[in-house]
Amino acid sequence: MGGQKKRPLARDDKSQASRGDKEETKRTAMRIQPKALLLPKFDDPEVSKVFKGMKAITLYRTARAFGVNASIAAYLLKTLESKAIIKKRGGFSGHYIWSMV
């Protein structure tokens, strides 16, 4: 029932001034951060070495093994599947399981 009360005008002016400073620091922080994550270069022996110990190759297990984002791991798995290095064995709804060929 209570809710938040209306703030005085002087207080709103102060918050707008400080909000402008915060937006400026966010903009500079965004410039420093990298824009995109790149797929690491892997040759076939290195990939087979990592996947050899895995009984079932999954998206998140691959991401953890290579130390990359899940979206990059998904791209890596699709690339390896198109090269016929791994084969999709099962799974559903985005949670697929691959194995070495």
Protein backbone atom coordinates (compact mmCIF):
# COMPACT_ATOMS: atom_id res chain seq x y z
CA MET A 1 0.00 0.00 0.00
CA GLY A 2 2.75 2.41 0.86
CA GLY A 3 4.85 2.50 -2.28
CA GLN A 4 7.63 4.88 -3.09
CA LYS A 5 7.11 8.59 -2.42
CA LYS A 6 7.80 11.38 -4.89
CA ARG A 7 11.36 12.63 -4.63
CA PRO A 8 12.25 16.31 -4.27
CA LEU A 9 13.39 18.10 -7.45
CA ALA A 10 16.85 18.88 -6.06
CA ARG A 11 17.45 15.20 -5.43
CA ASP A 12 16.40 14.30 -8.99
CA ASP A 13 18.84 16.85 -10.41
CA LYS A 14 21.70 15.33 -8.41
CA SER A 15 20.85 11.81 -9.55
CA GLN A 16 20.72 12.90 -13.21
CA ALA A 17 24.15 14.50 -12.91
CA SER A 18 25.67 11.38 -11.38
CA ARG A 19 23.88 9.16 -13.91
CA GLY A 20 25.60 11.03 -16.76
CA ASP A 21 29.01 10.26 -15.27
CA LYS A 22 28.16 6.56 -14.96
CA GLU A 23 27.05 6.36 -18.58
CA GLU A 24 30.32 7.90 -19.71
CA THR A 25 32.36 5.32 -17.76
CA LYS A 26 30.23 2.52 -19.24
CA ARG A 27 30.95 3.79 -22.74
CA THR A 28 34.70 3.84 -22.16
CA ALA A 29 34.59 0.37 -20.59
CA MET A 30 32.73 -0.96 -23.61
CA ARG A 31 35.43 0.37 -25.93
CA ILE A 32 38.16 -1.46 -24.06
CA GLN A 33 36.47 -4.87 -24.02
CA PRO A 34 36.91 -7.17 -27.04
CA LYS A 35 33.96 -7.17 -29.42
CA ALA A 36 33.92 -10.83 -30.45
CA LEU A 37 35.35 -14.12 -29.32
CA LEU A 38 37.35 -15.96 -31.93
CA LEU A 39 37.55 -19.67 -32.51
CA PRO A 40 40.95 -21.04 -31.53
CA LYS A 41 42.98 -22.77 -34.25
CA PHE A 42 42.92 -26.53 -33.71
CA ASP A 43 44.39 -29.14 -35.95
CA ASP A 44 42.92 -32.64 -36.11
CA PRO A 45 45.48 -34.43 -33.87
CA GLU A 46 44.91 -31.93 -31.03
CA VAL A 47 41.13 -32.24 -31.29
CA SER A 48 41.25 -36.04 -31.34
CA LYS A 49 43.61 -35.97 -28.34
CA VAL A 50 41.10 -33.92 -26.31
CA PHE A 51 38.05 -35.91 -27.42
CA LYS A 52 39.70 -39.33 -27.09
CA GLY A 53 39.23 -39.44 -23.32
CA MET A 54 35.58 -38.41 -23.50
CA LYS A 55 33.03 -41.18 -23.60
CA ALA A 56 30.33 -38.79 -24.83
CA ILE A 57 31.10 -35.43 -26.39
CA THR A 58 28.65 -32.74 -25.33
CA LEU A 59 28.50 -29.01 -25.90
CA TYR A 60 29.33 -27.91 -22.36
CA ARG A 61 32.00 -30.53 -21.86
CA THR A 62 33.68 -29.31 -25.05
CA ALA A 63 33.44 -25.69 -23.89
CA ARG A 64 35.07 -26.59 -20.60
CA ALA A 65 37.80 -28.70 -22.22
CA PHE A 66 38.87 -25.96 -24.63
CA GLY A 67 38.16 -23.05 -22.28
CA VAL A 68 35.83 -21.23 -24.67
CA ASN A 69 32.27 -19.93 -24.67
CA ALA A 70 29.41 -22.39 -25.30
CA SER A 71 28.46 -20.71 -28.57
CA ILE A 72 32.02 -21.10 -29.84
CA ALA A 73 32.05 -24.74 -28.74
CA ALA A 74 28.79 -25.29 -30.67
CA TYR A 75 30.38 -23.80 -33.78
CA LEU A 76 33.44 -26.02 -33.29
CA LEU A 77 31.27 -29.14 -32.98
CA LYS A 78 29.27 -28.25 -36.11
CA THR A 79 32.51 -27.69 -38.01
CA LEU A 80 33.94 -31.03 -36.87
CA GLU A 81 30.68 -32.76 -37.78
CA SER A 82 30.79 -31.30 -41.29
CA LYS A 83 34.40 -32.55 -41.65
CA ALA A 84 33.22 -36.04 -40.54
CA ILE A 85 35.58 -36.10 -37.55
CA ILE A 86 32.71 -36.55 -35.08
CA LYS A 87 29.20 -37.93 -35.56
CA LYS A 88 25.95 -37.03 -33.79
CA ARG A 89 24.71 -40.07 -31.86
CA GLY A 90 21.71 -38.83 -29.91
CA GLY A 91 20.18 -36.16 -27.77
CA PHE A 92 17.32 -33.76 -28.25
CA SER A 93 16.37 -30.09 -28.12
CA GLY A 94 19.87 -28.68 -28.44
CA HIS A 95 21.45 -31.13 -25.97
CA TYR A 96 23.09 -33.42 -28.47
CA ILE A 97 25.73 -36.06 -27.93
CA TRP A 98 28.55 -36.72 -30.38
CA SER A 99 31.21 -39.40 -30.60
CA MET A 100 34.45 -39.80 -32.51
CA VAL A 101 34.17 -41.52 -35.89
